[in-house]
Amino acid sequence: MNKLTINIPEDMMQKLAEQDQPLQSLLLQAINEYLEKRSSVKTKTWELCGAFEVTNPHPSESTDETGSTNYAENLDRDLY
């Protein structure tokens, strides 16, 4: 385990001292919660993935018998 030295304001230390847990476990819990929230943050693009559906895909865009499409494969043709 690594050691960490931090400066904590007195008023915050008084509030922390009133807790039932040792300071080390409180800090580890806070850091863990921060990391969990931070790592689960997804970009807007990630959130939108799969949120939209092409209701009437063009037959030439179909890549298999289920009607799935891969518009990215034909993007150059559409752009130019």
N, C-alpha and C. Protein backbone atom coordinates (compact mmCIF):
# COMPACT_ATOMS: atom_id res chain seq x y z
N MET A 1 0.85 -1.17 0.00
CA MET A 1 0.00 0.00 0.00
C MET A 1 0.90 1.23 0.00
N ASN A 2 0.48 2.29 -0.67
CA ASN A 2 1.23 3.54 -0.75
C ASN A 2 0.80 4.49 0.34
N LYS A 3 1.71 5.38 0.69
CA LYS A 3 1.40 6.39 1.69
C LYS A 3 1.09 7.70 0.99
N LEU A 4 0.21 8.49 1.61
CA LEU A 4 -0.21 9.76 1.06
C LEU A 4 -0.24 10.78 2.18
N THR A 5 0.30 11.95 1.93
CA THR A 5 0.27 13.02 2.91
C THR A 5 -0.60 14.14 2.35
N ILE A 6 -1.61 14.54 3.12
CA ILE A 6 -2.48 15.63 2.68
C ILE A 6 -2.70 16.61 3.82
N ASN A 7 -3.01 17.84 3.45
CA ASN A 7 -3.36 18.87 4.43
C ASN A 7 -4.88 19.01 4.45
N ILE A 8 -5.45 18.83 5.63
CA ILE A 8 -6.90 18.92 5.78
C ILE A 8 -7.21 20.09 6.71
N PRO A 9 -8.11 20.99 6.31
CA PRO A 9 -8.47 22.11 7.17
C PRO A 9 -9.03 21.64 8.51
N GLU A 10 -8.80 22.43 9.56
CA GLU A 10 -9.23 22.07 10.92
C GLU A 10 -10.72 21.81 11.02
N ASP A 11 -11.53 22.65 10.41
CA ASP A 11 -12.98 22.46 10.50
C ASP A 11 -13.42 21.14 9.89
N MET A 12 -12.77 20.75 8.81
CA MET A 12 -13.08 19.46 8.18
C MET A 12 -12.60 18.31 9.06
N MET A 13 -11.44 18.47 9.69
CA MET A 13 -10.91 17.44 10.58
C MET A 13 -11.85 17.21 11.76
N GLN A 14 -12.43 18.28 12.28
CA GLN A 14 -13.37 18.14 13.40
C GLN A 14 -14.59 17.33 12.97
N LYS A 15 -15.10 17.61 11.77
CA LYS A 15 -16.25 16.85 11.26
C LYS A 15 -15.88 15.39 11.03
N LEU A 16 -14.68 15.16 10.52
CA LEU A 16 -14.23 13.78 10.27
C LEU A 16 -14.03 13.02 11.57
N ALA A 17 -13.56 13.71 12.60
CA ALA A 17 -13.33 13.07 13.90
C ALA A 17 -14.64 12.61 14.53
N GLU A 18 -15.74 13.23 14.16
CA GLU A 18 -17.05 12.87 14.71
C GLU A 18 -17.64 11.61 14.07
N GLN A 19 -17.02 11.14 13.02
CA GLN A 19 -17.53 9.95 12.32
C GLN A 19 -17.17 8.68 13.09
N ASP A 20 -17.91 7.62 12.79
CA ASP A 20 -17.70 6.33 13.45
C ASP A 20 -16.50 5.57 12.88
N GLN A 21 -16.05 5.93 11.70
CA GLN A 21 -14.98 5.20 11.03
C GLN A 21 -13.64 5.91 11.19
N PRO A 22 -12.57 5.15 11.11
CA PRO A 22 -11.24 5.77 11.11
C PRO A 22 -11.06 6.61 9.84
N LEU A 23 -10.25 7.64 9.95
CA LEU A 23 -10.03 8.56 8.84
C LEU A 23 -9.54 7.83 7.59
N GLN A 24 -8.65 6.88 7.75
CA GLN A 24 -8.11 6.16 6.61
C GLN A 24 -9.22 5.45 5.84
N SER A 25 -10.11 4.77 6.53
CA SER A 25 -11.18 4.05 5.83
C SER A 25 -12.15 5.02 5.15
N LEU A 26 -12.41 6.18 5.77
CA LEU A 26 -13.27 7.19 5.15
C LEU A 26 -12.66 7.71 3.85
N LEU A 27 -11.36 7.99 3.91
CA LEU A 27 -10.69 8.50 2.71
C LEU A 27 -10.63 7.45 1.61
N LEU A 28 -10.34 6.21 1.97
CA LEU A 28 -10.32 5.15 0.96
C LEU A 28 -11.69 4.95 0.34
N GLN A 29 -12.72 5.02 1.15
CA GLN A 29 -14.09 4.88 0.64
C GLN A 29 -14.42 6.03 -0.30
N ALA A 30 -14.06 7.26 0.08
CA ALA A 30 -14.33 8.43 -0.76
C ALA A 30 -13.59 8.34 -2.10
N ILE A 31 -12.33 7.92 -2.06
CA ILE A 31 -11.55 7.79 -3.28
C ILE A 31 -12.14 6.69 -4.17
N ASN A 32 -12.54 5.59 -3.56
CA ASN A 32 -13.13 4.49 -4.31
C ASN A 32 -14.43 4.93 -4.99
N GLU A 33 -15.29 5.64 -4.26
CA GLU A 33 -16.54 6.13 -4.85
C GLU A 33 -16.27 7.09 -5.99
N TYR A 34 -15.28 7.96 -5.82
CA TYR A 34 -14.91 8.89 -6.88
C TYR A 34 -14.47 8.13 -8.13
N LEU A 35 -13.62 7.14 -7.95
CA LEU A 35 -13.12 6.37 -9.09
C LEU A 35 -14.24 5.61 -9.79
N GLU A 36 -15.17 5.07 -9.03
CA GLU A 36 -16.29 4.35 -9.63
C GLU A 36 -17.15 5.28 -10.46
N LYS A 37 -17.43 6.46 -9.94
CA LYS A 37 -18.25 7.42 -10.69
C LYS A 37 -17.49 7.92 -11.91
N ARG A 38 -16.22 8.18 -11.73
CA ARG A 38 -15.39 8.73 -12.81
C ARG A 38 -15.24 7.73 -13.94
N SER A 39 -15.06 6.47 -13.62
CA SER A 39 -14.85 5.47 -14.66
C SER A 39 -16.14 5.10 -15.38
N SER A 40 -17.28 5.32 -14.76
CA SER A 40 -18.53 4.98 -15.41
C SER A 40 -19.09 6.13 -16.23
N VAL A 41 -18.42 7.26 -16.19
CA VAL A 41 -18.87 8.39 -16.99
C VAL A 41 -18.60 8.07 -18.45
N LYS A 42 -19.63 8.15 -19.25
CA LYS A 42 -19.50 7.86 -20.66
C LYS A 42 -19.77 9.13 -21.46
N THR A 43 -19.16 9.23 -22.59
CA THR A 43 -19.38 10.39 -23.44
C THR A 43 -20.80 10.37 -23.98
N LYS A 44 -21.24 11.50 -24.48
CA LYS A 44 -22.58 11.58 -25.05
C LYS A 44 -22.72 10.61 -26.22
N THR A 45 -21.66 10.48 -27.01
CA THR A 45 -21.69 9.54 -28.13
C THR A 45 -21.92 8.12 -27.63
N TRP A 46 -21.22 7.75 -26.56
CA TRP A 46 -21.37 6.41 -25.99
C TRP A 46 -22.81 6.20 -25.51
N GLU A 47 -23.40 7.20 -24.88
CA GLU A 47 -24.77 7.09 -24.39
C GLU A 47 -25.76 6.92 -25.54
N LEU A 48 -25.47 7.57 -26.68
CA LEU A 48 -26.39 7.52 -27.81
C LEU A 48 -26.25 6.25 -28.65
N CYS A 49 -25.13 5.55 -28.52
CA CYS A 49 -24.94 4.32 -29.29
C CYS A 49 -26.08 3.35 -29.05
N GLY A 50 -26.70 2.93 -30.11
CA GLY A 50 -27.79 1.98 -30.00
C GLY A 50 -29.12 2.63 -29.66
N ALA A 51 -29.14 3.94 -29.45
CA ALA A 51 -30.38 4.61 -29.08
C ALA A 51 -31.26 4.89 -30.29
N PHE A 52 -30.66 4.91 -31.48
CA PHE A 52 -31.41 5.22 -32.68
C PHE A 52 -31.46 4.02 -33.61
N GLU A 53 -32.51 3.97 -34.40
CA GLU A 53 -32.70 2.87 -35.31
C GLU A 53 -33.11 3.42 -36.67
N VAL A 54 -32.57 2.85 -37.72
CA VAL A 54 -32.98 3.23 -39.07
C VAL A 54 -34.23 2.44 -39.38
N THR A 55 -35.36 3.14 -39.47
CA THR A 55 -36.64 2.43 -39.63
C THR A 55 -36.85 1.89 -41.03
N ASN A 56 -36.40 2.61 -42.04
CA ASN A 56 -36.56 2.14 -43.42
C ASN A 56 -35.20 2.15 -44.12
N PRO A 57 -34.34 1.17 -43.80
CA PRO A 57 -33.02 1.18 -44.42
C PRO A 57 -33.11 0.95 -45.92
N HIS A 58 -32.23 1.58 -46.64
CA HIS A 58 -32.18 1.40 -48.09
C HIS A 58 -31.69 -0.02 -48.36
N PRO A 59 -32.34 -0.73 -49.29
CA PRO A 59 -31.96 -2.13 -49.55
C PRO A 59 -30.48 -2.32 -49.90
N SER A 60 -29.87 -1.34 -50.56
CA SER A 60 -28.46 -1.48 -50.94
C SER A 60 -27.53 -1.36 -49.74
N GLU A 61 -28.03 -0.86 -48.63
CA GLU A 61 -27.21 -0.70 -47.42
C GLU A 61 -27.26 -1.94 -46.53
N SER A 62 -28.18 -2.85 -46.79
CA SER A 62 -28.34 -4.03 -45.95
C SER A 62 -27.13 -4.93 -46.06
N THR A 63 -26.64 -5.39 -44.92
CA THR A 63 -25.44 -6.24 -44.93
C THR A 63 -25.75 -7.70 -44.65
N ASP A 64 -26.94 -7.99 -44.17
CA ASP A 64 -27.31 -9.40 -43.94
C ASP A 64 -28.82 -9.54 -44.03
N GLU A 65 -29.28 -10.78 -43.86
CA GLU A 65 -30.72 -11.06 -44.03
C GLU A 65 -31.60 -10.44 -42.94
N THR A 66 -31.01 -9.99 -41.83
CA THR A 66 -31.82 -9.37 -40.77
C THR A 66 -32.10 -7.90 -41.06
N GLY A 67 -31.45 -7.35 -42.10
CA GLY A 67 -31.66 -5.96 -42.43
C GLY A 67 -30.73 -5.02 -41.68
N SER A 68 -29.73 -5.59 -40.97
CA SER A 68 -28.76 -4.74 -40.28
C SER A 68 -27.99 -3.93 -41.32
N THR A 69 -27.61 -2.74 -40.91
CA THR A 69 -26.89 -1.88 -41.85
C THR A 69 -25.53 -1.51 -41.31
N ASN A 70 -24.68 -1.14 -42.22
CA ASN A 70 -23.38 -0.60 -41.85
C ASN A 70 -23.14 0.58 -42.77
N TYR A 71 -23.73 1.72 -42.42
CA TYR A 71 -23.63 2.90 -43.26
C TYR A 71 -22.20 3.41 -43.37
N ALA A 72 -21.37 3.10 -42.39
CA ALA A 72 -19.99 3.58 -42.41
C ALA A 72 -19.23 3.02 -43.60
N GLU A 73 -19.57 1.80 -44.03
CA GLU A 73 -18.87 1.20 -45.16
C GLU A 73 -19.11 1.98 -46.44
N ASN A 74 -20.25 2.64 -46.54
CA ASN A 74 -20.61 3.37 -47.76
C ASN A 74 -20.53 4.88 -47.56
N LEU A 75 -19.89 5.32 -46.51
CA LEU A 75 -19.84 6.74 -46.19
C LEU A 75 -19.14 7.55 -47.28
N ASP A 76 -18.04 7.05 -47.82
CA ASP A 76 -17.34 7.79 -48.85
C ASP A 76 -18.22 8.01 -50.08
N ARG A 77 -18.96 6.99 -50.47
CA ARG A 77 -19.85 7.11 -51.62
C ARG A 77 -20.91 8.19 -51.37
N ASP A 78 -21.42 8.23 -50.14
CA ASP A 78 -22.46 9.21 -49.82
C ASP A 78 -21.92 10.63 -49.73
N LEU A 79 -20.68 10.75 -49.25
CA LEU A 79 -20.10 12.09 -49.09
C LEU A 79 -19.61 12.69 -50.38
N TYR A 80 -19.12 11.86 -51.31
CA TYR A 80 -18.48 12.40 -52.51
C TYR A 80 -19.31 12.19 -53.71
